[in-house]
Amino acid sequence: MKLTHIYPLILIALFSVGCSTDNDDNIINELYNLIKVQDLSNDTHTIEVYTKTGTFHTGYNAISVRILDNTTNKYLENASIDWVPVMQMPTMQHSCPKSDISKTSDKATLYEGYIIYQMTNTDGSGWSLTFNYTINDVMYTVTDTITVLQSELQNVSSFMGSDDKRYVIAFIEPTTPIIGINDLIIGVYNMESMMSFPSVENYTLTLDPRMPGMGNHSSPNNTDLTYTSSDSMYHADLSLTMTGYWVLNLKLINSEDTVLKGETVTETNTQSSLYLELEF
């Protein structure tokens, strides 16, 4: 038997194994770090809804969705999707702040957006979620009830401003705070109607973080929140000097320097009426 015929076969085998490994490494996990919340189905498709926790809660929710064809059992890659969250009250119904839905970068079947639920019932009931979507110029819809849990901390606030307009503000970042300077991100929205909550542009949120359990002390090097057009959010430096429970005292000020909600923290006024909470 001639060894010269064996060596090329071994080299080919090794080369083939190497190519297979490279291809496997390039496969993107569509659902990495996501947990399914629930499925919403009609006769044609199933829309799978995901978050990092597998739940909806009051406040800001980053949400991912994908559409399964019930006949072919394949996920669709080219859909145009819109959504409508609705809270059913005893005498009326309303929606909440939400983003558009866009294709997730570097993902073939995943779409993403956010919804900010400003309230819920004590048992998590009251909300429904409708998806309206188009595939190959054909329109579809699916709707179902959803459960929205009450967050332990106040991460969203809905209020009437001094201009007689209703606003919603929501805590977005940091989700993993550190001792030091954090990038604080807050969303500000105007309740234009029961179903429309556009982002508010070019207002200001003054920031005064305090620790009520530690003499209500503040921290150095904070900045007020200003509007950033690239993400339609408000950004600031948030200084956290120690772990524990913090109250982020805020004042919402419009472009004419009119205070719409909130007060300055003083020795006699220990907390603003407009605030969000953080604990780490």
Protein backbone atom coordinates (compact mmCIF):
# COMPACT_ATOMS: atom_id res chain seq x y z
CA MET A 1 0.00 0.00 0.00
CA LYS A 2 1.39 3.41 -0.96
CA LEU A 3 1.35 6.07 1.75
CA THR A 4 1.44 8.80 -0.87
CA HIS A 5 -2.25 8.12 -1.54
CA ILE A 6 -3.15 8.36 2.16
CA TYR A 7 -1.62 11.75 2.96
CA PRO A 8 -3.79 13.75 0.51
CA LEU A 9 -6.93 12.13 1.93
CA ILE A 10 -5.91 13.07 5.46
CA LEU A 11 -5.26 16.66 4.40
CA ILE A 12 -8.63 16.87 2.65
CA ALA A 13 -10.38 15.52 5.75
CA LEU A 14 -8.64 18.00 8.03
CA PHE A 15 -9.43 20.88 5.68
CA SER A 16 -13.09 19.85 5.54
CA VAL A 17 -13.38 19.76 9.35
CA GLY A 18 -11.81 23.21 9.57
CA CYS A 19 -14.31 24.70 7.09
CA SER A 20 -17.24 23.19 8.98
CA THR A 21 -16.05 24.75 12.24
CA ASP A 22 -15.65 28.18 10.63
CA ASN A 23 -19.17 28.01 9.21
CA ASP A 24 -20.60 26.99 12.59
CA ASP A 25 -18.86 29.94 14.25
CA ASN A 26 -20.51 32.31 11.77
CA ILE A 27 -24.05 31.15 12.58
CA ILE A 28 -25.89 33.91 14.45
CA ASN A 29 -28.11 32.89 17.35
CA GLU A 30 -31.29 34.85 16.65
CA LEU A 31 -32.62 34.52 20.19
CA TYR A 32 -29.44 35.03 22.23
CA ASN A 33 -30.26 36.46 25.68
CA LEU A 34 -34.01 36.54 24.93
CA ILE A 35 -36.89 34.71 26.63
CA LYS A 36 -40.30 34.20 25.04
CA VAL A 37 -43.17 36.17 26.56
CA GLN A 38 -45.96 34.57 24.49
CA ASP A 39 -47.23 33.68 21.01
CA LEU A 40 -49.96 35.59 19.17
CA SER A 41 -51.51 33.52 16.37
CA ASN A 42 -53.98 33.77 13.52
CA ASP A 43 -54.78 31.19 10.81
CA THR A 44 -51.70 32.08 8.78
CA HIS A 45 -48.90 33.11 11.14
CA THR A 46 -47.64 32.98 14.71
CA ILE A 47 -45.91 36.06 16.09
CA GLU A 48 -43.42 35.16 18.80
CA VAL A 49 -42.76 37.92 21.35
CA TYR A 50 -39.53 38.06 23.38
CA THR A 51 -37.90 40.18 26.10
CA LYS A 52 -34.81 39.66 28.23
CA THR A 53 -36.94 38.64 31.22
CA GLY A 54 -39.73 36.76 29.48
CA THR A 55 -42.30 39.21 30.91
CA PHE A 56 -43.88 42.60 30.32
CA HIS A 57 -43.71 45.13 33.17
CA THR A 58 -44.71 48.73 33.78
CA GLY A 59 -42.12 51.12 32.38
CA TYR A 60 -39.79 50.62 29.45
CA ASN A 61 -39.83 47.23 27.67
CA ALA A 62 -37.35 46.40 24.90
CA ILE A 63 -39.20 43.84 22.77
CA SER A 64 -38.19 41.49 19.95
CA VAL A 65 -40.59 39.65 17.64
CA ARG A 66 -40.43 37.18 14.76
CA ILE A 67 -43.11 35.77 12.47
CA LEU A 68 -43.57 32.06 11.84
CA ASP A 69 -45.43 30.82 8.76
CA ASN A 70 -47.83 28.20 10.15
CA THR A 71 -47.86 26.23 6.89
CA THR A 72 -44.16 26.08 5.98
CA ASN A 73 -42.91 26.31 9.59
CA LYS A 74 -40.34 28.88 8.42
CA TYR A 75 -39.64 32.32 9.85
CA LEU A 76 -40.28 35.31 7.58
CA GLU A 77 -37.47 37.75 6.83
CA ASN A 78 -39.22 40.56 4.95
CA ALA A 79 -42.23 41.93 6.79
CA SER A 80 -43.47 45.41 7.60
CA ILE A 81 -44.84 45.41 11.16
CA ASP A 82 -46.75 47.85 13.35
CA TRP A 83 -48.21 47.31 16.82
CA VAL A 84 -50.96 48.80 18.98
CA PRO A 85 -50.93 48.20 22.76
CA VAL A 86 -54.28 49.05 24.38
CA MET A 87 -55.30 49.32 28.04
CA GLN A 88 -58.99 48.67 28.64
CA MET A 89 -60.40 50.88 31.40
CA PRO A 90 -63.94 50.63 32.85
CA THR A 91 -65.20 53.58 30.78
CA MET A 92 -62.52 54.08 28.11
CA GLN A 93 -59.38 52.66 26.52
CA HIS A 94 -55.96 54.14 25.82
CA SER A 95 -52.58 53.22 24.41
CA CYS A 96 -49.07 54.14 25.62
CA PRO A 97 -45.69 55.38 24.29
CA LYS A 98 -44.14 53.00 21.77
CA SER A 99 -41.53 52.95 19.03
CA ASP A 100 -41.72 51.82 15.44
CA ILE A 101 -40.69 48.21 14.80
CA SER A 102 -37.54 47.74 12.72
CA LYS A 103 -35.41 44.80 11.57
CA THR A 104 -32.80 43.89 14.16
CA SER A 105 -29.27 44.54 12.93
CA ASP A 106 -27.40 41.37 11.85
CA LYS A 107 -30.47 39.19 12.44
CA ALA A 108 -32.33 37.41 9.65
CA THR A 109 -35.75 36.90 11.24
CA LEU A 110 -35.86 39.21 14.26
CA TYR A 111 -37.55 42.62 14.58
CA GLU A 112 -37.35 44.99 17.54
CA GLY A 113 -38.87 48.02 19.23
CA TYR A 114 -40.06 49.21 22.64
CA ILE A 115 -43.30 49.78 24.52
CA ILE A 116 -43.68 51.83 27.72
CA TYR A 117 -46.62 50.62 29.82
CA GLN A 118 -47.51 53.47 32.18
CA MET A 119 -49.93 51.46 34.35
CA THR A 120 -51.52 48.05 34.90
CA ASN A 121 -54.11 46.31 37.03
CA THR A 122 -53.00 44.64 40.26
CA ASP A 123 -53.29 41.19 38.67
CA GLY A 124 -51.46 42.26 35.50
CA SER A 125 -54.61 42.27 33.37
CA GLY A 126 -56.16 45.01 31.25
CA TRP A 127 -53.77 45.18 28.28
CA SER A 128 -54.04 43.75 24.80
CA LEU A 129 -51.49 43.84 21.97
CA THR A 130 -52.34 43.98 18.26
CA PHE A 131 -49.88 43.43 15.41
CA ASN A 132 -50.71 44.76 11.95
CA TYR A 133 -48.21 43.53 9.39
CA THR A 134 -47.69 43.25 5.64
CA ILE A 135 -45.97 40.42 3.74
CA ASN A 136 -45.68 40.53 -0.06
CA ASP A 137 -48.27 43.34 -0.19
CA VAL A 138 -50.79 41.27 1.79
CA MET A 139 -52.01 42.72 5.09
CA TYR A 140 -52.57 40.61 8.20
CA THR A 141 -53.55 41.28 11.80
CA VAL A 142 -53.40 39.39 15.08
CA THR A 143 -54.39 40.44 18.60
CA ASP A 144 -54.45 38.91 22.06
CA THR A 145 -54.54 39.86 25.72
CA ILE A 146 -51.21 40.21 27.52
CA THR A 147 -50.05 40.34 31.13
CA VAL A 148 -48.20 43.46 32.32
CA LEU A 149 -46.64 43.14 35.78
CA GLN A 150 -46.24 46.05 38.20
CA SER A 151 -42.58 47.02 38.63
CA GLU A 152 -41.31 47.24 42.22
CA LEU A 153 -39.69 50.64 41.70
CA GLN A 154 -41.23 53.72 40.11
CA ASN A 155 -39.68 53.55 36.64
CA VAL A 156 -42.46 55.46 34.88
CA SER A 157 -44.61 58.46 35.75
CA SER A 158 -47.75 59.78 34.09
CA PHE A 159 -48.86 63.29 35.06
CA MET A 160 -50.61 66.50 34.06
CA GLY A 161 -48.23 69.39 33.44
CA SER A 162 -48.85 73.03 34.35
CA ASP A 163 -49.64 73.55 30.64
CA ASP A 164 -52.68 71.23 31.01
CA LYS A 165 -51.04 68.56 28.87
CA ARG A 166 -50.50 64.99 30.03
CA TYR A 167 -46.97 63.60 29.93
CA VAL A 168 -45.29 60.24 30.46
CA ILE A 169 -41.64 59.93 31.49
CA ALA A 170 -39.82 56.60 31.71
CA PHE A 171 -36.50 55.38 33.07
CA ILE A 172 -34.52 53.54 30.37
CA GLU A 173 -30.83 53.38 31.38
CA PRO A 174 -28.77 52.40 33.28
CA THR A 175 -30.14 48.87 33.65
CA THR A 176 -26.95 47.79 35.43
CA PRO A 177 -25.83 50.84 37.45
CA ILE A 178 -22.27 51.25 38.71
CA ILE A 179 -20.63 53.29 41.44
CA GLY A 180 -19.41 56.27 39.43
CA ILE A 181 -20.76 58.15 36.43
CA ASN A 182 -23.64 56.43 34.61
CA ASP A 183 -25.28 57.32 31.31
CA LEU A 184 -28.80 58.21 32.40
CA ILE A 185 -31.45 57.91 29.67
CA ILE A 186 -35.09 58.93 30.15
CA GLY A 187 -37.91 59.03 27.62
CA VAL A 188 -40.39 61.93 27.64
CA TYR A 189 -43.74 61.67 25.84
CA ASN A 190 -46.85 63.79 25.40
CA MET A 191 -50.30 62.22 25.48
CA GLU A 192 -51.50 63.83 22.26
CA SER A 193 -54.65 61.68 22.30
CA MET A 194 -55.78 58.41 23.89
CA MET A 195 -53.88 56.50 21.23
CA SER A 196 -50.97 58.80 20.37
CA PHE A 197 -47.90 59.45 22.57
CA PRO A 198 -45.19 61.20 20.52
CA SER A 199 -41.75 61.97 21.93
CA VAL A 200 -41.30 65.45 23.39
CA GLU A 201 -38.37 67.33 21.85
CA ASN A 202 -36.00 69.97 23.22
CA TYR A 203 -37.30 70.22 26.78
CA THR A 204 -35.05 69.88 29.85
CA LEU A 205 -35.17 67.60 32.89
CA THR A 206 -33.21 68.87 35.87
CA LEU A 207 -31.65 66.07 37.91
CA ASP A 208 -31.05 65.84 41.66
CA PRO A 209 -30.37 62.24 42.84
CA ARG A 210 -30.80 61.63 46.58
CA MET A 211 -30.49 58.74 49.05
CA PRO A 212 -33.44 59.08 51.48
CA GLY A 213 -32.06 56.36 53.76
CA MET A 214 -28.70 58.12 54.09
CA GLY A 215 -29.66 61.62 55.20
CA ASN A 216 -31.04 62.44 51.75
CA HIS A 217 -27.53 63.23 50.50
CA SER A 218 -26.90 63.88 46.83
CA SER A 219 -23.79 63.26 44.70
CA PRO A 220 -21.31 65.35 42.69
CA ASN A 221 -20.85 65.74 38.93
CA ASN A 222 -24.44 65.18 37.80
CA THR A 223 -25.76 66.95 34.71
CA ASP A 224 -29.29 67.85 33.67
CA LEU A 225 -30.99 65.77 30.98
CA THR A 226 -31.09 67.18 27.46
CA TYR A 227 -32.74 65.91 24.30
CA THR A 228 -30.74 63.88 21.77
CA SER A 229 -32.29 63.68 18.30
CA SER A 230 -30.46 60.49 17.28
CA ASP A 231 -32.58 58.34 19.62
CA SER A 232 -35.31 60.85 20.66
CA MET A 233 -34.31 60.37 24.31
CA TYR A 234 -32.97 62.57 27.12
CA HIS A 235 -29.40 61.95 28.31
CA ALA A 236 -27.38 63.04 31.36
CA ASP A 237 -24.51 62.04 33.62
CA LEU A 238 -25.80 60.33 36.76
CA SER A 239 -23.32 60.10 39.63
CA LEU A 240 -23.91 57.25 42.07
CA THR A 241 -21.49 57.28 44.99
CA MET A 242 -22.65 54.08 46.69
CA THR A 243 -25.01 51.15 46.29
CA GLY A 244 -28.52 51.37 47.70
CA TYR A 245 -31.86 53.05 47.06
CA TRP A 246 -31.81 56.33 45.11
CA VAL A 247 -34.57 58.79 44.23
CA LEU A 248 -33.99 60.71 41.01
CA ASN A 249 -35.69 64.04 41.68
CA LEU A 250 -36.68 65.75 38.44
CA LYS A 251 -38.20 68.94 37.07
CA LEU A 252 -39.62 69.03 33.55
CA ILE A 253 -39.02 72.41 31.89
CA ASN A 254 -40.28 73.35 28.43
CA SER A 255 -38.47 75.35 25.75
CA GLU A 256 -39.84 78.61 27.25
CA ASP A 257 -38.21 77.80 30.64
CA THR A 258 -41.59 77.10 32.24
CA VAL A 259 -41.57 74.38 34.90
CA LEU A 260 -44.27 71.89 33.93
CA LYS A 261 -43.83 69.51 36.86
CA GLY A 262 -41.51 69.06 39.82
CA GLU A 263 -39.86 71.12 42.56
CA THR A 264 -36.36 71.86 43.88
CA VAL A 265 -35.21 69.66 46.77
CA THR A 266 -34.50 71.67 49.93
CA GLU A 267 -34.21 70.98 53.66
CA THR A 268 -37.97 71.43 54.03
CA ASN A 269 -38.94 69.85 50.68
CA THR A 270 -37.09 66.53 50.66
CA GLN A 271 -38.48 65.15 47.40
CA SER A 272 -39.82 66.45 44.10
CA SER A 273 -43.33 65.48 43.03
CA LEU A 274 -41.73 64.27 39.79
CA TYR A 275 -39.27 61.46 40.42
CA LEU A 276 -38.07 58.02 39.38
CA GLU A 277 -36.44 55.34 41.55
CA LEU A 278 -33.29 53.26 41.24
CA GLU A 279 -31.74 50.60 43.46
CA PHE A 280 -28.60 48.52 43.03
